[in-house]
Amino acid sequence: MAEDSPKLIMIPESFQVSSNDIGAQLFLIWELIKTPLIVPLLQLSVYICLAMSLMLLMERLYMGIVIVLVKLFWKKPEKRYNWEPMKDDLESGNSEFPFVLVQIPMFNEREVYKVSIGAASNLSWPADRLVIQVLDDSTDPEVKQMVELECQRWASKGVNIRYQIRESRGGYKAGALKEGLKRSYVKHCEYVVIFDADFQPEPDFLRRAIPFLIHNPDVALVQARWRFVNADECLLTRMQEMSLDYHFTVEQEVGSATHAFFGFNGTAGVWRIAAINEAGGWKDRTTVEDMDLAVRASLRGWKFIYLGDLQAKSELPSTFKAFRFQQHRWSCGPANLFRKMVMEIVRNQKVKFWKKVYVIYSFFFVRKIIAHWVTFMFYCVVLPLTILVPEVYVPIWGAVYIPSIITVLNSVGTPRSIHLLFYWILFENVMSLHRTKATLIGLLEAGRANEWVVTQKIGTTLQKNSDAKKSGLKLFRRPRFTFTDRINTLELGFGVFLFLCGCYDFVHGKNNYFIYLFLQTISFFITGFGYVGTII
């Protein structure tokens, strides 16, 4: 009978086992393919990840050096550019003030519509030189009625405010902004400032920003910094504040100081309408219509100015679901735009060679693609797999030193949250899973490339809770989600994978990676069970 038993094909005689022992067969197959196939592929992956890590490190060091030079030696924008304060003149009246259009795009903004309309209506600018345009794409009839009544209330106070609706949401935000500029009553406006529905500019916002455009005809955009009214609401908002503060404190400042280029943030920015028109107007071919316009305007020679001390209050997503949708849009859109514009940038003859290098390599490739890929692939996939294949060598400088330096450089934006830095690293690794996925969708222009989900906001709830605490009243609480609504299977799956790799390293490993893996597992489980937005 032993002679009649089937033999395993292509397996040495010394390795043959019973065909019924599936586990043993799989182990033997693994041993056969590991050395000639798995080890070389995994080692190649390590080298690729190390190369991407070095690219990201060089980018961070470059921006770190530039930002230090900017803070120590660069003059402030008011000194680098022509700038004179706006003055009220009793003799000439308001003739020295240009006509300015304020656009406020909205979509079912029940919680925050009063905030943005009220802030825009209180801007310190001559009423006969200001047009406020509320672009309401709401699908909820009750919300549309409330927004329209709010506009009428301010109009009765002498504010030149217009309520605009469209028959369809074609083009989403880009479509609404484009349609708004076509209105006959805005043809005389020279500049347009855009505020999303949760943004609250200070009254002197226009008086500080507009002079840069008036006295510098080659400047197309003045971008203000965002400040967050709910940064202390929970751990999720603190993590977002750390990432965005680095973006504004370093990335925007460096781009403005060196190449007079950065990506428009879609809100809290003042545009020269002539520059918008020359660049081809608003386009809805990606979910980052703001970045699209900025790149096209820059390729036509226009300059941008970032003002770090000009700030507008806004709200951060306070639920993980809302944050994840936002990050999908912010990661997928730039990758998709890069796919569509890279050759246009290469062939452009109006900008200098080094500016094209900066836009293609630094702005798009490293920050929008490499930064997501290396974070996820190296620390969540390749590094854990090397524990199962100890033949693969990972140098300690790549596994420990480089990420440590990058992390320290990223922390300069939010010194007050330095104690949260370690968890921020773990959380960013979790989010890199979704960002990498979104980046691939954008590059391949796959199914969700043009998905647009409006970020959910809670508006004045935070202020109401603050007032309630002082008065001893009952606090507002968000609606409770069921356990199944909270579950995120992708995060849980990776959490299990990292936990198993950690256990294997604890038993058989030599590099003590299990410490990191177990901590990363906890982060994946926290987000997997949907509790990251509830931790204070």
Protein backbone atom coordinates (compact mmCIF):
# COMPACT_ATOMS: atom_id res chain seq x y z
CA MET A 1 0.00 0.00 0.00
CA ALA A 2 2.87 2.36 0.74
CA GLU A 3 4.09 2.02 -2.84
CA ASP A 4 0.65 3.04 -4.18
CA SER A 5 0.47 6.26 -2.15
CA PRO A 6 0.73 9.45 -4.27
CA LYS A 7 3.98 11.30 -4.36
CA LEU A 8 4.38 15.13 -4.16
CA ILE A 9 5.54 16.41 -7.55
CA MET A 10 8.74 18.50 -7.70
CA ILE A 11 9.47 17.90 -4.01
CA PRO A 12 12.69 16.11 -3.00
CA GLU A 13 12.19 12.65 -1.63
CA SER A 14 13.43 13.67 1.80
CA PHE A 15 10.62 16.21 2.05
CA GLN A 16 7.72 14.00 0.96
CA VAL A 17 4.79 13.60 3.36
CA SER A 18 1.29 12.23 3.25
CA SER A 19 -1.09 14.04 0.88
CA ASN A 20 -3.60 14.27 3.72
CA ASP A 21 -1.26 16.44 5.81
CA ILE A 22 -2.14 19.82 4.23
CA GLY A 23 -0.28 21.83 6.85
CA ALA A 24 2.91 19.93 6.26
CA GLN A 25 2.56 20.31 2.49
CA LEU A 26 2.10 24.05 2.79
CA PHE A 27 5.17 24.25 5.03
CA LEU A 28 7.23 22.31 2.51
CA ILE A 29 6.04 24.50 -0.36
CA TRP A 30 6.95 27.56 1.69
CA GLU A 31 10.43 26.21 2.35
CA LEU A 32 10.90 25.47 -1.36
CA ILE A 33 9.89 28.91 -2.63
CA LYS A 34 11.23 31.01 0.23
CA THR A 35 14.90 31.09 -0.71
CA PRO A 36 14.63 31.44 -4.52
CA LEU A 37 11.52 33.70 -4.60
CA ILE A 38 10.27 35.20 -1.32
CA VAL A 39 13.60 36.34 0.10
CA PRO A 40 14.75 38.21 -3.07
CA LEU A 41 11.34 39.88 -3.55
CA LEU A 42 11.12 40.94 0.08
CA GLN A 43 14.71 42.19 0.08
CA LEU A 44 13.96 44.21 -3.07
CA SER A 45 10.92 45.66 -1.32
CA VAL A 46 13.11 46.68 1.60
CA TYR A 47 15.53 48.48 -0.72
CA ILE A 48 12.69 50.28 -2.48
CA CYS A 49 11.19 51.37 0.84
CA LEU A 50 14.57 52.54 2.09
CA ALA A 51 15.02 54.59 -1.08
CA MET A 52 11.59 56.18 -0.57
CA SER A 53 12.44 56.84 3.09
CA LEU A 54 15.61 58.66 2.05
CA MET A 55 13.62 60.72 -0.47
CA LEU A 56 11.15 61.70 2.24
CA LEU A 57 13.98 62.45 4.69
CA MET A 58 15.75 64.72 2.19
CA GLU A 59 12.47 66.53 1.55
CA ARG A 60 11.86 67.06 5.26
CA LEU A 61 15.44 68.23 5.85
CA TYR A 62 15.23 70.63 2.92
CA MET A 63 12.01 72.15 4.22
CA GLY A 64 13.40 72.24 7.75
CA ILE A 65 16.48 74.17 6.62
CA VAL A 66 14.43 76.58 4.52
CA ILE A 67 11.91 77.28 7.27
CA VAL A 68 14.73 78.07 9.71
CA LEU A 69 16.24 80.48 7.18
CA VAL A 70 12.83 82.02 6.57
CA LYS A 71 12.23 82.61 10.27
CA LEU A 72 15.73 83.98 10.89
CA PHE A 73 16.54 85.99 7.78
CA TRP A 74 13.55 86.33 5.45
CA LYS A 75 11.56 89.50 5.64
CA LYS A 76 7.86 89.27 6.40
CA PRO A 77 5.51 89.34 3.39
CA GLU A 78 4.67 92.99 4.11
CA LYS A 79 8.37 93.78 3.54
CA ARG A 80 9.03 91.37 0.65
CA TYR A 81 6.05 92.60 -1.37
CA ASN A 82 4.52 95.99 -1.98
CA TRP A 83 1.92 96.56 0.70
CA GLU A 84 0.05 99.54 2.04
CA PRO A 85 -2.81 99.46 4.53
CA MET A 86 -6.33 100.24 3.34
CA LYS A 87 -7.40 103.69 4.52
CA ASP A 88 -10.81 105.25 4.74
CA ASP A 89 -10.81 108.63 2.98
CA LEU A 90 -13.69 111.00 3.69
CA GLU A 91 -13.01 113.01 0.54
CA SER A 92 -12.77 110.18 -1.99
CA GLY A 93 -15.26 107.98 -0.16
CA ASN A 94 -14.94 104.27 -0.96
CA SER A 95 -13.52 104.68 -4.46
CA GLU A 96 -10.08 103.42 -3.32
CA PHE A 97 -11.61 100.10 -2.27
CA PRO A 98 -11.93 97.51 -5.07
CA PHE A 99 -15.07 95.44 -5.51
CA VAL A 100 -14.75 92.09 -3.72
CA LEU A 101 -16.90 88.99 -4.05
CA VAL A 102 -17.28 86.60 -1.10
CA GLN A 103 -18.32 83.08 -2.07
CA ILE A 104 -19.66 80.64 0.53
CA PRO A 105 -20.36 77.18 -0.98
CA MET A 106 -22.77 75.06 1.08
CA PHE A 107 -24.36 71.62 1.05
CA ASN A 108 -26.87 70.75 3.78
CA GLU A 109 -24.87 72.76 6.32
CA ARG A 110 -27.55 72.78 9.02
CA GLU A 111 -25.11 73.20 11.91
CA VAL A 112 -22.79 75.89 10.54
CA TYR A 113 -24.58 78.01 7.95
CA LYS A 114 -25.11 80.87 10.40
CA VAL A 115 -21.44 80.89 11.36
CA SER A 116 -20.03 81.55 7.89
CA ILE A 117 -22.80 83.91 6.77
CA GLY A 118 -22.49 85.95 9.95
CA ALA A 119 -18.69 86.14 9.75
CA ALA A 120 -18.77 87.21 6.09
CA SER A 121 -21.43 89.82 6.79
CA ASN A 122 -19.26 91.33 9.53
CA LEU A 123 -16.19 91.82 7.34
CA SER A 124 -14.78 95.31 7.63
CA TRP A 125 -15.21 96.44 4.02
CA PRO A 126 -17.44 99.12 2.47
CA ALA A 127 -20.90 97.64 1.95
CA ASP A 128 -21.19 99.11 -1.55
CA ARG A 129 -17.91 97.41 -2.54
CA LEU A 130 -18.73 93.94 -1.21
CA VAL A 131 -20.96 91.20 -2.61
CA ILE A 132 -21.61 88.08 -0.53
CA GLN A 133 -22.73 85.08 -2.53
CA VAL A 134 -24.16 82.04 -0.72
CA LEU A 135 -23.93 79.11 -3.16
CA ASP A 136 -26.35 76.58 -1.71
CA ASP A 137 -26.38 73.09 -3.26
CA SER A 138 -28.44 71.65 -0.40
CA THR A 139 -30.82 68.80 -1.13
CA ASP A 140 -32.72 69.18 2.16
CA PRO A 141 -35.64 71.62 1.59
CA GLU A 142 -35.71 72.59 5.28
CA VAL A 143 -32.01 73.49 5.26
CA LYS A 144 -32.43 75.49 2.04
CA GLN A 145 -35.23 77.47 3.61
CA MET A 146 -33.21 78.20 6.76
CA VAL A 147 -30.19 79.38 4.73
CA GLU A 148 -32.35 81.60 2.54
CA LEU A 149 -34.04 83.17 5.58
CA GLU A 150 -30.62 83.85 7.13
CA CYS A 151 -29.53 85.61 3.94
CA GLN A 152 -32.70 87.69 3.96
CA ARG A 153 -32.10 88.62 7.59
CA TRP A 154 -28.65 90.03 6.80
CA ALA A 155 -29.93 91.70 3.63
CA SER A 156 -32.48 93.58 5.75
CA LYS A 157 -29.53 95.02 7.68
CA GLY A 158 -28.04 96.52 4.54
CA VAL A 159 -25.63 93.69 3.64
CA ASN A 160 -25.32 93.02 -0.10
CA ILE A 161 -25.89 89.26 0.11
CA ARG A 162 -27.27 86.98 -2.59
CA TYR A 163 -28.70 83.50 -2.18
CA GLN A 164 -27.98 81.25 -5.18
CA ILE A 165 -29.13 77.72 -5.92
CA ARG A 166 -28.56 75.42 -8.90
CA GLU A 167 -30.77 72.89 -10.60
CA SER A 168 -28.11 70.19 -10.22
CA ARG A 169 -24.90 69.61 -8.24
CA GLY A 170 -22.83 69.12 -11.38
CA GLY A 171 -19.16 69.62 -10.59
CA TYR A 172 -19.84 69.77 -6.84
CA LYS A 173 -17.97 72.68 -5.24
CA ALA A 174 -16.08 73.58 -8.43
CA GLY A 175 -19.35 73.71 -10.33
CA ALA A 176 -20.94 75.98 -7.73
CA LEU A 177 -17.98 78.39 -7.68
CA LYS A 178 -17.84 78.47 -11.48
CA GLU A 179 -21.57 79.14 -11.75
CA GLY A 180 -21.32 81.90 -9.15
CA LEU A 181 -18.71 83.80 -11.16
CA LYS A 182 -21.06 83.88 -14.17
CA ARG A 183 -23.68 86.02 -12.40
CA SER A 184 -24.09 89.45 -13.94
CA TYR A 185 -23.95 91.26 -10.60
CA VAL A 186 -20.34 90.10 -9.97
CA LYS A 187 -18.85 91.17 -13.32
CA HIS A 188 -17.44 94.33 -11.76
CA CYS A 189 -15.66 92.44 -8.94
CA GLU A 190 -11.85 92.25 -9.17
CA TYR A 191 -11.22 89.76 -6.38
CA VAL A 192 -13.01 86.79 -4.87
CA VAL A 193 -12.53 85.30 -1.40
CA ILE A 194 -13.81 81.80 -0.66
CA PHE A 195 -14.92 80.57 2.76
CA ASP A 196 -16.25 77.08 3.38
CA ALA A 197 -19.40 76.88 5.48
CA ASP A 198 -17.57 76.37 8.79
CA PHE A 199 -15.01 79.17 8.37
CA GLN A 200 -15.03 82.31 10.49
CA PRO A 201 -12.71 85.07 9.23
CA GLU A 202 -11.84 88.02 11.44
CA PRO A 203 -13.45 91.36 10.45
CA ASP A 204 -10.12 92.77 9.17
CA PHE A 205 -9.44 89.75 6.91
CA LEU A 206 -9.92 91.61 3.63
CA ARG A 207 -8.12 94.76 4.75
CA ARG A 208 -5.00 92.72 5.47
CA ALA A 209 -5.11 90.48 2.39
CA ILE A 210 -6.38 92.64 -0.47
CA PRO A 211 -3.44 95.17 -0.46
CA PHE A 212 -1.08 92.36 -1.55
CA LEU A 213 -3.19 91.90 -4.67
CA ILE A 214 -3.69 95.60 -5.33
CA HIS A 215 0.01 96.53 -5.19
CA ASN A 216 1.47 93.35 -6.74
CA PRO A 217 -0.10 92.72 -10.16
CA ASP A 218 1.73 89.39 -10.60
CA VAL A 219 0.15 87.90 -7.45
CA ALA A 220 -2.93 85.74 -8.01
CA LEU A 221 -3.64 84.31 -4.55
CA VAL A 222 -3.29 85.27 -0.91
CA GLN A 223 -3.80 82.25 1.35
CA ALA A 224 -4.55 82.52 5.07
CA ARG A 225 -3.85 79.95 7.78
CA TRP A 226 -6.53 77.79 9.37
CA ARG A 227 -7.13 77.71 13.11
CA PHE A 228 -9.33 75.06 14.69
CA VAL A 229 -12.11 75.75 17.16
CA ASN A 230 -12.45 72.09 18.18
CA ALA A 231 -8.81 70.96 18.29
CA ASP A 232 -9.20 69.87 21.93
CA GLU A 233 -12.45 67.97 21.45
CA CYS A 234 -10.90 64.49 21.27
CA LEU A 235 -7.71 62.64 20.37
CA LEU A 236 -8.76 62.47 16.72
CA THR A 237 -8.90 66.25 16.40
CA ARG A 238 -5.56 66.64 18.19
CA MET A 239 -3.95 64.29 15.66
CA GLN A 240 -5.40 66.27 12.78
CA GLU A 241 -4.18 69.53 14.27
CA MET A 242 -0.62 68.18 14.40
CA SER A 243 -0.66 67.17 10.73
CA LEU A 244 -2.28 70.37 9.47
CA ASP A 245 -0.11 72.66 11.58
CA TYR A 246 2.97 71.16 9.93
CA HIS A 247 1.36 71.71 6.53
CA PHE A 248 0.73 75.39 7.24
CA THR A 249 3.80 76.17 9.37
CA VAL A 250 6.32 74.50 7.07
CA GLU A 251 5.01 73.32 3.69
CA GLN A 252 2.97 76.41 2.81
CA GLU A 253 5.57 78.79 4.21
CA VAL A 254 8.42 77.14 2.29
CA GLY A 255 6.49 77.10 -0.99
CA SER A 256 5.53 80.75 -0.61
CA ALA A 257 9.05 81.91 0.31
CA THR A 258 11.01 79.95 -2.32
CA HIS A 259 8.88 79.51 -5.44
CA ALA A 260 5.83 81.67 -4.65
CA PHE A 261 3.80 78.48 -5.21
CA PHE A 262 1.78 76.17 -2.99
CA GLY A 263 -1.50 74.36 -3.24
CA PHE A 264 -4.57 76.49 -2.64
CA ASN A 265 -6.39 75.05 0.38
CA GLY A 266 -9.84 75.59 -1.13
CA THR A 267 -10.93 78.12 1.46
CA ALA A 268 -9.74 81.19 3.39
CA GLY A 269 -7.95 82.48 0.30
CA VAL A 270 -8.38 85.58 -1.87
CA TRP A 271 -8.05 85.17 -5.65
CA ARG A 272 -7.58 87.70 -8.41
CA ILE A 273 -10.51 86.88 -10.71
CA ALA A 274 -8.44 87.71 -13.80
CA ALA A 275 -5.96 84.97 -12.78
CA ILE A 276 -8.78 82.45 -12.40
CA ASN A 277 -10.07 83.26 -15.86
CA GLU A 278 -6.61 83.17 -17.46
CA ALA A 279 -5.93 79.76 -15.90
CA GLY A 280 -9.09 78.35 -17.45
CA GLY A 281 -11.50 78.77 -14.55
CA TRP A 282 -12.72 76.14 -12.13
CA LYS A 283 -12.59 72.52 -13.33
CA ASP A 284 -14.25 69.48 -11.81
CA ARG A 285 -12.02 66.79 -13.33
CA THR A 286 -10.69 65.84 -9.87
CA THR A 287 -11.85 66.17 -6.27
CA VAL A 288 -9.15 68.80 -5.60
CA GLU A 289 -10.44 71.63 -7.76
CA ASP A 290 -8.51 74.08 -5.56
CA MET A 291 -5.14 72.43 -6.23
CA ASP A 292 -6.00 72.05 -9.90
CA LEU A 293 -6.60 75.80 -10.26
CA ALA A 294 -3.45 76.64 -8.28
CA VAL A 295 -1.20 74.50 -10.47
CA ARG A 296 -2.69 75.87 -13.70
CA ALA A 297 -2.36 79.46 -12.51
CA SER A 298 1.22 78.86 -11.42
CA LEU A 299 2.12 77.44 -14.83
CA ARG A 300 1.00 80.73 -16.34
CA GLY A 301 3.46 82.66 -14.21
CA TRP A 302 1.20 83.84 -11.39
CA LYS A 303 2.62 84.05 -7.86
CA PHE A 304 1.04 83.07 -4.53
CA ILE A 305 1.52 84.55 -1.06
CA TYR A 306 0.94 82.68 2.20
CA LEU A 307 0.22 84.77 5.30
CA GLY A 308 0.80 82.72 8.43
CA ASP A 309 -0.43 85.47 10.75
CA LEU A 310 -3.69 85.95 8.83
CA GLN A 311 -5.97 83.28 10.25
CA ALA A 312 -9.51 82.01 9.93
CA LYS A 313 -11.25 79.74 12.42
CA SER A 314 -12.61 76.44 11.17
CA GLU A 315 -13.74 73.01 12.34
CA LEU A 316 -11.98 69.65 12.18
CA PRO A 317 -13.88 66.40 11.49
CA SER A 318 -14.68 64.92 14.89
CA THR A 319 -15.78 61.44 13.77
CA PHE A 320 -13.50 58.84 12.23
CA LYS A 321 -15.95 58.18 9.40
CA ALA A 322 -16.00 61.85 8.37
CA PHE A 323 -12.23 62.10 8.68
CA ARG A 324 -11.68 58.99 6.58
CA PHE A 325 -13.87 60.31 3.75
CA GLN A 326 -12.00 63.62 3.88
CA GLN A 327 -8.62 61.91 3.73
CA HIS A 328 -9.73 59.78 0.78
CA ARG A 329 -10.58 62.96 -1.14
CA TRP A 330 -7.38 64.73 -0.09
CA SER A 331 -5.19 61.75 -1.08
CA CYS A 332 -6.99 60.52 -4.18
CA GLY A 333 -7.46 63.97 -5.74
CA PRO A 334 -3.77 65.04 -5.83
CA ALA A 335 -2.68 61.67 -7.24
CA ASN A 336 -5.35 61.88 -9.93
CA LEU A 337 -4.36 65.47 -10.73
CA PHE A 338 -0.69 64.43 -10.96
CA ARG A 339 -1.66 61.77 -13.50
CA LYS A 340 -3.49 64.35 -15.60
CA MET A 341 -1.04 67.25 -15.37
CA VAL A 342 2.49 65.85 -15.14
CA MET A 343 3.20 66.13 -18.88
CA GLU A 344 1.59 69.56 -19.05
CA ILE A 345 3.99 70.70 -16.32
CA VAL A 346 6.98 69.13 -18.12
CA ARG A 347 6.13 70.83 -21.44
CA ASN A 348 5.39 74.23 -19.90
CA GLN A 349 7.64 77.04 -21.13
CA LYS A 350 6.50 79.90 -18.88
CA VAL A 351 8.06 78.78 -15.59
CA LYS A 352 11.67 78.07 -14.71
CA PHE A 353 13.14 74.56 -14.74
CA TRP A 354 13.67 74.43 -10.97
CA LYS A 355 10.09 75.44 -10.29
CA LYS A 356 8.89 72.56 -12.49
CA VAL A 357 11.19 70.21 -10.55
CA TYR A 358 9.76 71.53 -7.29
CA VAL A 359 6.15 71.06 -8.42
CA ILE A 360 6.62 67.58 -9.93
CA TYR A 361 9.11 66.04 -7.51
CA SER A 362 8.60 67.80 -4.19
CA PHE A 363 5.00 69.01 -4.25
CA PHE A 364 3.40 66.03 -6.00
CA PHE A 365 5.66 62.96 -6.05
CA VAL A 366 7.23 63.03 -2.59
CA ARG A 367 4.49 64.69 -0.51
CA LYS A 368 1.37 63.33 -2.23
CA ILE A 369 2.53 59.85 -3.23
CA ILE A 370 5.80 58.69 -1.67
CA ALA A 371 4.91 59.94 1.84
CA HIS A 372 1.79 57.74 1.91
CA TRP A 373 3.31 54.69 0.25
CA VAL A 374 6.46 54.40 2.35
CA THR A 375 4.56 54.91 5.61
CA PHE A 376 2.16 52.08 4.85
CA MET A 377 4.28 49.66 2.83
CA PHE A 378 7.40 49.81 4.99
CA TYR A 379 6.04 50.03 8.54
CA CYS A 380 2.78 48.12 8.12
CA VAL A 381 3.66 45.48 5.51
CA VAL A 382 7.33 44.98 4.63
CA LEU A 383 8.86 45.39 8.09
CA PRO A 384 6.41 42.93 9.75
CA LEU A 385 7.00 40.43 6.94
CA THR A 386 10.76 40.52 7.47
CA ILE A 387 10.12 39.09 10.92
CA LEU A 388 8.66 35.97 9.28
CA VAL A 389 11.59 35.84 6.85
CA PRO A 390 14.68 36.53 9.00
CA GLU A 391 16.98 36.04 6.00
CA VAL A 392 15.95 39.51 4.82
CA TYR A 393 18.19 42.25 6.17
CA VAL A 394 16.76 45.62 7.30
CA PRO A 395 19.41 48.15 8.44
CA ILE A 396 18.65 49.81 11.75
CA TRP A 397 19.16 53.27 10.23
CA GLY A 398 16.22 52.61 7.92
CA ALA A 399 13.97 51.00 10.50
CA VAL A 400 14.65 53.37 13.42
CA TYR A 401 16.86 56.39 12.77
CA ILE A 402 15.25 57.80 9.61
CA PRO A 403 11.64 57.61 10.86
CA SER A 404 12.73 59.13 14.18
CA ILE A 405 14.30 62.14 12.44
CA ILE A 406 11.28 62.58 10.16
CA THR A 407 8.96 62.43 13.15
CA VAL A 408 10.91 65.07 15.06
CA LEU A 409 10.87 67.35 12.01
CA ASN A 410 7.11 66.88 11.64
CA SER A 411 6.52 67.84 15.27
CA VAL A 412 7.65 71.46 14.93
CA GLY A 413 4.20 72.60 13.81
CA THR A 414 2.44 71.86 17.10
CA PRO A 415 4.79 72.12 20.11
CA ARG A 416 1.90 71.94 22.57
CA SER A 417 1.16 68.36 21.45
CA ILE A 418 4.73 67.06 21.68
CA HIS A 419 3.65 64.59 24.38
CA LEU A 420 1.26 62.99 21.87
CA LEU A 421 3.96 62.52 19.27
CA PHE A 422 4.35 58.77 19.70
CA TYR A 423 0.66 58.06 19.33
CA TRP A 424 0.51 60.48 16.38
CA ILE A 425 3.08 58.27 14.61
CA LEU A 426 0.96 55.17 15.20
CA PHE A 427 -2.22 56.95 14.10
CA GLU A 428 -0.56 58.26 10.92
CA ASN A 429 0.51 54.69 10.13
CA VAL A 430 -3.11 53.58 10.42
CA MET A 431 -4.30 56.41 8.17
CA SER A 432 -1.57 55.62 5.65
CA LEU A 433 -3.56 52.47 4.85
CA HIS A 434 -6.46 54.58 3.54
CA ARG A 435 -4.22 57.22 1.98
CA THR A 436 -2.21 54.63 0.06
CA LYS A 437 -5.40 53.03 -1.17
CA ALA A 438 -6.81 56.41 -2.21
CA THR A 439 -3.54 57.36 -3.94
CA LEU A 440 -3.62 54.17 -6.03
CA ILE A 441 -7.25 54.83 -6.94
CA GLY A 442 -6.31 58.32 -8.06
CA LEU A 443 -3.27 57.21 -10.08
CA LEU A 444 -5.23 54.43 -11.77
CA GLU A 445 -8.39 56.57 -11.99
CA ALA A 446 -10.38 53.67 -10.56
CA GLY A 447 -13.99 53.55 -9.35
CA ARG A 448 -13.86 55.98 -6.40
CA ALA A 449 -11.51 58.50 -8.05
CA ASN A 450 -14.23 61.17 -8.25
CA GLU A 451 -16.08 60.32 -5.05
CA TRP A 452 -17.10 63.44 -3.12
CA VAL A 453 -18.56 63.15 0.38
CA VAL A 454 -19.14 66.43 2.21
CA THR A 455 -17.38 66.47 5.59
CA GLN A 456 -19.89 66.31 8.44
CA LYS A 457 -19.73 69.22 10.88
CA ILE A 458 -21.18 69.85 14.34
CA GLY A 459 -20.91 73.63 14.32
CA THR A 460 -22.01 75.51 17.44
CA THR A 461 -22.38 72.33 19.48
CA LEU A 462 -18.93 72.86 20.98
CA GLN A 463 -19.78 76.36 22.15
CA LYS A 464 -23.10 75.15 23.53
CA ASN A 465 -21.30 72.44 25.51
CA SER A 466 -18.80 74.98 26.84
CA ASP A 467 -21.63 77.27 27.96
CA ALA A 468 -23.50 74.32 29.45
CA LYS A 469 -20.47 73.31 31.52
CA LYS A 470 -20.23 76.81 32.96
CA SER A 471 -23.95 76.85 33.75
CA GLY A 472 -24.11 73.32 35.07
CA LEU A 473 -26.61 72.29 32.40
CA LYS A 474 -26.87 68.99 30.57
CA LEU A 475 -24.35 68.63 27.73
CA PHE A 476 -25.24 67.84 24.16
CA ARG A 477 -24.20 64.34 23.17
CA ARG A 478 -23.77 62.95 19.71
CA PRO A 479 -26.12 60.19 18.59
CA ARG A 480 -24.79 56.83 19.68
CA PHE A 481 -23.71 54.42 16.98
CA THR A 482 -24.40 50.70 17.15
CA PHE A 483 -21.44 48.40 17.54
CA THR A 484 -21.69 47.17 13.93
CA ASP A 485 -21.72 50.78 12.65
CA ARG A 486 -18.38 51.36 14.34
CA ILE A 487 -16.62 48.29 12.93
CA ASN A 488 -13.91 48.93 10.31
CA THR A 489 -12.90 45.51 9.02
CA LEU A 490 -9.84 46.67 7.07
CA GLU A 491 -8.20 48.12 10.18
CA LEU A 492 -9.12 45.07 12.24
CA GLY A 493 -7.65 42.76 9.60
CA PHE A 494 -4.33 44.58 9.62
CA GLY A 495 -4.43 44.68 13.40
CA VAL A 496 -4.66 40.89 13.51
CA PHE A 497 -1.82 40.58 10.98
CA LEU A 498 0.47 42.85 12.99
CA PHE A 499 -0.46 41.07 16.24
CA LEU A 500 0.51 37.69 14.79
CA CYS A 501 3.79 39.11 13.48
CA GLY A 502 4.43 40.61 16.91
CA CYS A 503 3.79 37.29 18.64
CA TYR A 504 6.17 35.52 16.25
CA ASP A 505 8.85 38.14 16.87
CA PHE A 506 8.36 37.87 20.62
CA VAL A 507 9.01 34.12 20.45
CA HIS A 508 11.59 33.84 17.65
CA GLY A 509 12.74 37.36 16.76
CA LYS A 510 16.03 39.08 17.54
CA ASN A 511 15.29 42.80 16.95
CA ASN A 512 12.51 43.35 19.49
CA TYR A 513 10.17 44.71 16.80
CA PHE A 514 7.28 43.20 18.77
CA ILE A 515 7.19 46.29 21.02
CA TYR A 516 6.34 48.49 18.05
CA LEU A 517 4.05 45.89 16.49
CA PHE A 518 1.94 45.45 19.62
CA LEU A 519 1.55 49.22 20.01
CA GLN A 520 0.65 49.54 16.32
CA THR A 521 -1.82 46.70 16.75
CA ILE A 522 -3.58 48.63 19.52
CA SER A 523 -3.87 51.67 17.23
CA PHE A 524 -5.38 49.57 14.44
CA PHE A 525 -7.83 48.01 16.88
CA ILE A 526 -8.86 51.40 18.31
CA THR A 527 -9.71 52.67 14.84
CA GLY A 528 -11.05 49.27 13.79
CA PHE A 529 -13.62 49.37 16.58
CA GLY A 530 -14.37 53.03 15.82
CA TYR A 531 -13.33 54.61 19.12
CA VAL A 532 -10.62 57.03 17.98
CA GLY A 533 -13.11 59.91 17.78
CA THR A 534 -14.31 59.41 21.36
CA ILE A 535 -10.99 59.45 23.24
CA ILE A 536 -10.39 62.79 24.95
